[in-house]
Amino acid sequence: MNTRPIIVVGAAVGLLASAFAVRKLWENPEVRNRVRGMLPEGHRIADDQVDISSEDSFPASDPPSFTPTNAVRA
């Protein structure tokens, strides 16, 4: 019996579960504040930079409600 596919599937499931757990932890404000407290002064977290840039560019970052096409039918 070849156990390699089972190991690969198990590793993938473990990775997904870990990513989900970290994401859920990061949503907790207490956890975010603890992590920020461990960072050196002046260090910014990349997610915060993306959120700030996204808010600054609103509504220009919104996609158009439709995309016109100029297709010619045969």
PDB file of N, CA and C in Angstrom:
ATOM      1  N   MET A   1       0.844  -1.182   0.000  1.00  0.00           N
ATOM      2  CA  MET A   1       0.000   0.000   0.000  1.00  0.00           C
ATOM      3  C   MET A   1       0.894   1.251   0.000  1.00  0.00           C
ATOM      4  N   ASN A   2       0.549   2.182  -0.862  1.00  0.00           N
ATOM      5  CA  ASN A   2       1.313   3.424  -0.974  1.00  0.00           C
ATOM      6  C   ASN A   2       0.699   4.468  -0.037  1.00  0.00           C
ATOM      7  N   THR A   3       1.465   4.903   0.944  1.00  0.00           N
ATOM      8  CA  THR A   3       0.946   5.857   1.936  1.00  0.00           C
ATOM      9  C   THR A   3       1.242   7.310   1.579  1.00  0.00           C
ATOM     10  N   ARG A   4       1.960   7.538   0.487  1.00  0.00           N
ATOM     11  CA  ARG A   4       2.320   8.911   0.140  1.00  0.00           C
ATOM     12  C   ARG A   4       1.098   9.806  -0.099  1.00  0.00           C
ATOM     13  N   PRO A   5       0.065   9.376  -0.850  1.00  0.00           N
ATOM     14  CA  PRO A   5      -1.104  10.244  -1.037  1.00  0.00           C
ATOM     15  C   PRO A   5      -1.797  10.584   0.287  1.00  0.00           C
ATOM     16  N   ILE A   6      -1.822   9.657   1.214  1.00  0.00           N
ATOM     17  CA  ILE A   6      -2.448   9.904   2.516  1.00  0.00           C
ATOM     18  C   ILE A   6      -1.664  10.968   3.282  1.00  0.00           C
ATOM     19  N   ILE A   7      -0.345  10.893   3.210  1.00  0.00           N
ATOM     20  CA  ILE A   7       0.501  11.879   3.891  1.00  0.00           C
ATOM     21  C   ILE A   7       0.309  13.257   3.285  1.00  0.00           C
ATOM     22  N   VAL A   8       0.236  13.339   1.948  1.00  0.00           N
ATOM     23  CA  VAL A   8       0.059  14.618   1.269  1.00  0.00           C
ATOM     24  C   VAL A   8      -1.293  15.226   1.625  1.00  0.00           C
ATOM     25  N   VAL A   9      -2.336  14.424   1.616  1.00  0.00           N
ATOM     26  CA  VAL A   9      -3.674  14.921   1.971  1.00  0.00           C
ATOM     27  C   VAL A   9      -3.703  15.352   3.433  1.00  0.00           C
ATOM     28  N   GLY A  10      -3.093  14.595   4.302  1.00  0.00           N
ATOM     29  CA  GLY A  10      -3.040  14.956   5.716  1.00  0.00           C
ATOM     30  C   GLY A  10      -2.300  16.257   5.945  1.00  0.00           C
ATOM     31  N   ALA A  11      -1.195  16.449   5.225  1.00  0.00           N
ATOM     32  CA  ALA A  11      -0.436  17.691   5.352  1.00  0.00           C
ATOM     33  C   ALA A  11      -1.247  18.878   4.843  1.00  0.00           C
ATOM     34  N   ALA A  12      -1.963  18.700   3.749  1.00  0.00           N
ATOM     35  CA  ALA A  12      -2.792  19.778   3.196  1.00  0.00           C
ATOM     36  C   ALA A  12      -3.922  20.147   4.159  1.00  0.00           C
ATOM     37  N   VAL A  13      -4.560  19.157   4.734  1.00  0.00           N
ATOM     38  CA  VAL A  13      -5.636  19.423   5.694  1.00  0.00           C
ATOM     39  C   VAL A  13      -5.078  20.130   6.934  1.00  0.00           C
ATOM     40  N   GLY A  14      -3.926  19.700   7.401  1.00  0.00           N
ATOM     41  CA  GLY A  14      -3.301  20.348   8.554  1.00  0.00           C
ATOM     42  C   GLY A  14      -2.928  21.793   8.267  1.00  0.00           C
ATOM     43  N   LEU A  15      -2.418  22.055   7.086  1.00  0.00           N
ATOM     44  CA  LEU A  15      -2.061  23.418   6.696  1.00  0.00           C
ATOM     45  C   LEU A  15      -3.291  24.310   6.629  1.00  0.00           C
ATOM     46  N   LEU A  16      -4.370  23.820   6.038  1.00  0.00           N
ATOM     47  CA  LEU A  16      -5.606  24.593   5.963  1.00  0.00           C
ATOM     48  C   LEU A  16      -6.183  24.859   7.349  1.00  0.00           C
ATOM     49  N   ALA A  17      -6.147  23.861   8.214  1.00  0.00           N
ATOM     50  CA  ALA A  17      -6.658  24.042   9.573  1.00  0.00           C
ATOM     51  C   ALA A  17      -5.827  25.070  10.326  1.00  0.00           C
ATOM     52  N   SER A  18      -4.518  25.030  10.142  1.00  0.00           N
ATOM     53  CA  SER A  18      -3.643  26.004  10.807  1.00  0.00           C
ATOM     54  C   SER A  18      -3.913  27.415  10.310  1.00  0.00           C
ATOM     55  N   ALA A  19      -4.070  27.560   9.003  1.00  0.00           N
ATOM     56  CA  ALA A  19      -4.349  28.882   8.435  1.00  0.00           C
ATOM     57  C   ALA A  19      -5.680  29.423   8.950  1.00  0.00           C
ATOM     58  N   PHE A  20      -6.683  28.574   9.040  1.00  0.00           N
ATOM     59  CA  PHE A  20      -7.987  28.988   9.552  1.00  0.00           C
ATOM     60  C   PHE A  20      -7.874  29.415  11.018  1.00  0.00           C
ATOM     61  N   ALA A  21      -7.131  28.661  11.808  1.00  0.00           N
ATOM     62  CA  ALA A  21      -6.976  28.994  13.229  1.00  0.00           C
ATOM     63  C   ALA A  21      -6.259  30.324  13.408  1.00  0.00           C
ATOM     64  N   VAL A  22      -5.203  30.557  12.630  1.00  0.00           N
ATOM     65  CA  VAL A  22      -4.477  31.826  12.734  1.00  0.00           C
ATOM     66  C   VAL A  22      -5.366  32.979  12.312  1.00  0.00           C
ATOM     67  N   ARG A  23      -6.138  32.788  11.267  1.00  0.00           N
ATOM     68  CA  ARG A  23      -7.048  33.851  10.813  1.00  0.00           C
ATOM     69  C   ARG A  23      -8.079  34.187  11.883  1.00  0.00           C
ATOM     70  N   LYS A  24      -8.641  33.184  12.504  1.00  0.00           N
ATOM     71  CA  LYS A  24      -9.622  33.421  13.566  1.00  0.00           C
ATOM     72  C   LYS A  24      -8.979  34.110  14.765  1.00  0.00           C
ATOM     73  N   LEU A  25      -7.772  33.725  15.118  1.00  0.00           N
ATOM     74  CA  LEU A  25      -7.074  34.384  16.219  1.00  0.00           C
ATOM     75  C   LEU A  25      -6.803  35.847  15.886  1.00  0.00           C
ATOM     76  N   TRP A  26      -6.423  36.120  14.652  1.00  0.00           N
ATOM     77  CA  TRP A  26      -6.077  37.480  14.248  1.00  0.00           C
ATOM     78  C   TRP A  26      -7.292  38.406  14.292  1.00  0.00           C
ATOM     79  N   GLU A  27      -8.513  37.862  14.171  1.00  0.00           N
ATOM     80  CA  GLU A  27      -9.727  38.669  14.248  1.00  0.00           C
ATOM     81  C   GLU A  27      -9.991  39.156  15.676  1.00  0.00           C
ATOM     82  N   ASN A  28      -9.384  38.522  16.665  1.00  0.00           N
ATOM     83  CA  ASN A  28      -9.573  38.897  18.059  1.00  0.00           C
ATOM     84  C   ASN A  28      -8.727  40.134  18.373  1.00  0.00           C
ATOM     85  N   PRO A  29      -9.358  41.252  18.794  1.00  0.00           N
ATOM     86  CA  PRO A  29      -8.599  42.474  19.064  1.00  0.00           C
ATOM     87  C   PRO A  29      -7.536  42.309  20.152  1.00  0.00           C
ATOM     88  N   GLU A  30      -7.796  41.475  21.143  1.00  0.00           N
ATOM     89  CA  GLU A  30      -6.826  41.269  22.218  1.00  0.00           C
ATOM     90  C   GLU A  30      -5.554  40.629  21.678  1.00  0.00           C
ATOM     91  N   VAL A  31      -5.699  39.659  20.807  1.00  0.00           N
ATOM     92  CA  VAL A  31      -4.547  38.992  20.209  1.00  0.00           C
ATOM     93  C   VAL A  31      -3.777  39.979  19.330  1.00  0.00           C
ATOM     94  N   ARG A  32      -4.489  40.774  18.524  1.00  0.00           N
ATOM     95  CA  ARG A  32      -3.825  41.762  17.666  1.00  0.00           C
ATOM     96  C   ARG A  32      -3.019  42.755  18.498  1.00  0.00           C
ATOM     97  N   ASN A  33      -3.584  43.209  19.608  1.00  0.00           N
ATOM     98  CA  ASN A  33      -2.878  44.169  20.457  1.00  0.00           C
ATOM     99  C   ASN A  33      -1.636  43.547  21.096  1.00  0.00           C
ATOM    100  N   ARG A  34      -1.719  42.278  21.473  1.00  0.00           N
ATOM    101  CA  ARG A  34      -0.546  41.601  22.048  1.00  0.00           C
ATOM    102  C   ARG A  34       0.569  41.486  21.023  1.00  0.00           C
ATOM    103  N   VAL A  35       0.209  41.142  19.783  1.00  0.00           N
ATOM    104  CA  VAL A  35       1.207  41.007  18.728  1.00  0.00           C
ATOM    105  C   VAL A  35       1.830  42.371  18.447  1.00  0.00           C
ATOM    106  N   ARG A  36       1.018  43.398  18.367  1.00  0.00           N
ATOM    107  CA  ARG A  36       1.539  44.745  18.129  1.00  0.00           C
ATOM    108  C   ARG A  36       2.467  45.174  19.257  1.00  0.00           C
ATOM    109  N   GLY A  37       2.192  44.755  20.480  1.00  0.00           N
ATOM    110  CA  GLY A  37       3.041  45.099  21.606  1.00  0.00           C
ATOM    111  C   GLY A  37       4.413  44.451  21.542  1.00  0.00           C
ATOM    112  N   MET A  38       4.538  43.344  20.816  1.00  0.00           N
ATOM    113  CA  MET A  38       5.813  42.652  20.687  1.00  0.00           C
ATOM    114  C   MET A  38       6.668  43.208  19.549  1.00  0.00           C
ATOM    115  N   LEU A  39       6.090  44.029  18.678  1.00  0.00           N
ATOM    116  CA  LEU A  39       6.823  44.554  17.525  1.00  0.00           C
ATOM    117  C   LEU A  39       7.640  45.770  17.921  1.00  0.00           C
ATOM    118  N   PRO A  40       8.738  46.030  17.225  1.00  0.00           N
ATOM    119  CA  PRO A  40       9.538  47.219  17.520  1.00  0.00           C
ATOM    120  C   PRO A  40       8.764  48.500  17.205  1.00  0.00           C
ATOM    121  N   GLU A  41       9.170  49.592  17.817  1.00  0.00           N
ATOM    122  CA  GLU A  41       8.504  50.877  17.600  1.00  0.00           C
ATOM    123  C   GLU A  41       8.541  51.252  16.121  1.00  0.00           C
ATOM    124  N   GLY A  42       7.458  51.793  15.639  1.00  0.00           N
ATOM    125  CA  GLY A  42       7.399  52.259  14.260  1.00  0.00           C
ATOM    126  C   GLY A  42       7.115  51.168  13.245  1.00  0.00           C
ATOM    127  N   HIS A  43       7.066  49.914  13.677  1.00  0.00           N
ATOM    128  CA  HIS A  43       6.784  48.823  12.747  1.00  0.00           C
ATOM    129  C   HIS A  43       5.288  48.770  12.479  1.00  0.00           C
ATOM    130  N   ARG A  44       4.913  48.626  11.224  1.00  0.00           N
ATOM    131  CA  ARG A  44       3.502  48.535  10.870  1.00  0.00           C
ATOM    132  C   ARG A  44       3.218  47.158  10.302  1.00  0.00           C
ATOM    133  N   ILE A  45       2.051  46.688  10.553  1.00  0.00           N
ATOM    134  CA  ILE A  45       1.632  45.388  10.038  1.00  0.00           C
ATOM    135  C   ILE A  45       1.064  45.599   8.646  1.00  0.00           C
ATOM    136  N   ALA A  46       1.431  44.736   7.700  1.00  0.00           N
ATOM    137  CA  ALA A  46       1.067  44.911   6.296  1.00  0.00           C
ATOM    138  C   ALA A  46      -0.447  45.004   6.106  1.00  0.00           C
ATOM    139  N   ASP A  47      -1.228  44.243   6.855  1.00  0.00           N
ATOM    140  CA  ASP A  47      -2.686  44.297   6.710  1.00  0.00           C
ATOM    141  C   ASP A  47      -3.203  45.689   7.005  1.00  0.00           C
ATOM    142  N   ASP A  48      -2.649  46.341   8.001  1.00  0.00           N
ATOM    143  CA  ASP A  48      -3.089  47.689   8.341  1.00  0.00           C
ATOM    144  C   ASP A  48      -2.778  48.653   7.206  1.00  0.00           C
ATOM    145  N   GLN A  49      -1.622  48.498   6.588  1.00  0.00           N
ATOM    146  CA  GLN A  49      -1.258  49.372   5.474  1.00  0.00           C
ATOM    147  C   GLN A  49      -2.217  49.184   4.302  1.00  0.00           C
ATOM    148  N   VAL A  50      -2.595  47.951   4.027  1.00  0.00           N
ATOM    149  CA  VAL A  50      -3.529  47.676   2.942  1.00  0.00           C
ATOM    150  C   VAL A  50      -4.897  48.265   3.274  1.00  0.00           C
ATOM    151  N   ASP A  51      -5.356  48.087   4.510  1.00  0.00           N
ATOM    152  CA  ASP A  51      -6.650  48.635   4.909  1.00  0.00           C
ATOM    153  C   ASP A  51      -6.667  50.155   4.796  1.00  0.00           C
ATOM    154  N   ILE A  52      -5.604  50.806   5.235  1.00  0.00           N
ATOM    155  CA  ILE A  52      -5.539  52.263   5.178  1.00  0.00           C
ATOM    156  C   ILE A  52      -5.527  52.729   3.722  1.00  0.00           C
ATOM    157  N   SER A  53      -4.747  52.088   2.882  1.00  0.00           N
ATOM    158  CA  SER A  53      -4.700  52.463   1.467  1.00  0.00           C
ATOM    159  C   SER A  53      -6.045  52.244   0.792  1.00  0.00           C
ATOM    160  N   SER A  54      -6.699  51.162   1.142  1.00  0.00           N
ATOM    161  CA  SER A  54      -8.011  50.873   0.573  1.00  0.00           C
ATOM    162  C   SER A  54      -9.030  51.934   0.974  1.00  0.00           C
ATOM    163  N   GLU A  55      -9.022  52.331   2.240  1.00  0.00           N
ATOM    164  CA  GLU A  55      -9.950  53.359   2.705  1.00  0.00           C
ATOM    165  C   GLU A  55      -9.638  54.704   2.066  1.00  0.00           C
ATOM    166  N   ASP A  56      -8.358  55.017   1.886  1.00  0.00           N
ATOM    167  CA  ASP A  56      -7.973  56.292   1.287  1.00  0.00           C
ATOM    168  C   ASP A  56      -8.392  56.393  -0.173  1.00  0.00           C
ATOM    169  N   SER A  57      -8.413  55.275  -0.888  1.00  0.00           N
ATOM    170  CA  SER A  57      -8.728  55.307  -2.315  1.00  0.00           C
ATOM    171  C   SER A  57     -10.214  55.114  -2.604  1.00  0.00           C
ATOM    172  N   PHE A  58     -11.029  54.946  -1.597  1.00  0.00           N
ATOM    173  CA  PHE A  58     -12.457  54.743  -1.801  1.00  0.00           C
ATOM    174  C   PHE A  58     -13.076  56.015  -2.332  1.00  0.00           C
ATOM    175  N   PRO A  59     -13.955  56.055  -3.261  1.00  0.00           N
ATOM    176  CA  PRO A  59     -14.574  54.972  -4.034  1.00  0.00           C
ATOM    177  C   PRO A  59     -13.839  54.635  -5.322  1.00  0.00           C
ATOM    178  N   ALA A  60     -12.681  55.233  -5.546  1.00  0.00           N
ATOM    179  CA  ALA A  60     -11.967  54.990  -6.801  1.00  0.00           C
ATOM    180  C   ALA A  60     -11.559  53.526  -6.960  1.00  0.00           C
ATOM    181  N   SER A  61     -11.454  52.798  -5.869  1.00  0.00           N
ATOM    182  CA  SER A  61     -11.029  51.404  -5.968  1.00  0.00           C
ATOM    183  C   SER A  61     -12.191  50.468  -6.292  1.00  0.00           C
ATOM    184  N   ASP A  62     -13.412  50.994  -6.296  1.00  0.00           N
ATOM    185  CA  ASP A  62     -14.563  50.149  -6.610  1.00  0.00           C
ATOM    186  C   ASP A  62     -14.593  49.843  -8.105  1.00  0.00           C
ATOM    187  N   PRO A  63     -14.884  48.606  -8.481  1.00  0.00           N
ATOM    188  CA  PRO A  63     -14.961  48.279  -9.902  1.00  0.00           C
ATOM    189  C   PRO A  63     -16.222  48.884 -10.524  1.00  0.00           C
ATOM    190  N   PRO A  64     -16.236  49.085 -11.824  1.00  0.00           N
ATOM    191  CA  PRO A  64     -17.443  49.602 -12.466  1.00  0.00           C
ATOM    192  C   PRO A  64     -18.576  48.588 -12.350  1.00  0.00           C
ATOM    193  N   SER A  65     -19.807  49.075 -12.442  1.00  0.00           N
ATOM    194  CA  SER A  65     -20.956  48.188 -12.278  1.00  0.00           C
ATOM    195  C   SER A  65     -21.147  47.274 -13.482  1.00  0.00           C
ATOM    196  N   PHE A  66     -20.605  47.653 -14.643  1.00  0.00           N
ATOM    197  CA  PHE A  66     -20.685  46.793 -15.812  1.00  0.00           C
ATOM    198  C   PHE A  66     -19.457  47.042 -16.678  1.00  0.00           C
ATOM    199  N   THR A  67     -19.198  46.104 -17.563  1.00  0.00           N
ATOM    200  CA  THR A  67     -18.076  46.246 -18.485  1.00  0.00           C
ATOM    201  C   THR A  67     -18.624  46.196 -19.906  1.00  0.00           C
ATOM    202  N   PRO A  68     -18.586  47.324 -20.621  1.00  0.00           N
ATOM    203  CA  PRO A  68     -19.115  47.298 -21.991  1.00  0.00           C
ATOM    204  C   PRO A  68     -18.210  46.471 -22.907  1.00  0.00           C
ATOM    205  N   THR A  69     -18.797  45.850 -23.870  1.00  0.00           N
ATOM    206  CA  THR A  69     -18.026  45.067 -24.829  1.00  0.00           C
ATOM    207  C   THR A  69     -18.360  45.539 -26.230  1.00  0.00           C
ATOM    208  N   ASN A  70     -17.445  45.347 -27.130  1.00  0.00           N
ATOM    209  CA  ASN A  70     -17.630  45.713 -28.528  1.00  0.00           C
ATOM    210  C   ASN A  70     -17.481  44.485 -29.421  1.00  0.00           C
ATOM    211  N   ALA A  71     -18.088  43.398 -29.020  1.00  0.00           N
ATOM    212  CA  ALA A  71     -17.982  42.161 -29.786  1.00  0.00           C
ATOM    213  C   ALA A  71     -18.903  42.206 -30.992  1.00  0.00           C
ATOM    214  N   VAL A  72     -18.422  41.686 -32.095  1.00  0.00           N
ATOM    215  CA  VAL A  72     -19.225  41.604 -33.317  1.00  0.00           C
ATOM    216  C   VAL A  72     -19.636  40.165 -33.469  1.00  0.00           C
ATOM    217  N   ARG A  73     -20.920  39.959 -33.639  1.00  0.00           N
ATOM    218  CA  ARG A  73     -21.416  38.576 -33.820  1.00  0.00           C
ATOM    219  C   ARG A  73     -21.291  38.170 -35.265  1.00  0.00           C
ATOM    220  N   ALA A  74     -20.981  36.891 -35.473  1.00  0.00           N
ATOM    221  CA  ALA A  74     -20.829  36.383 -36.851  1.00  0.00           C
ATOM    222  C   ALA A  74     -22.153  36.002 -37.456  1.00  0.00           C
TER     223      ALA A  74
END
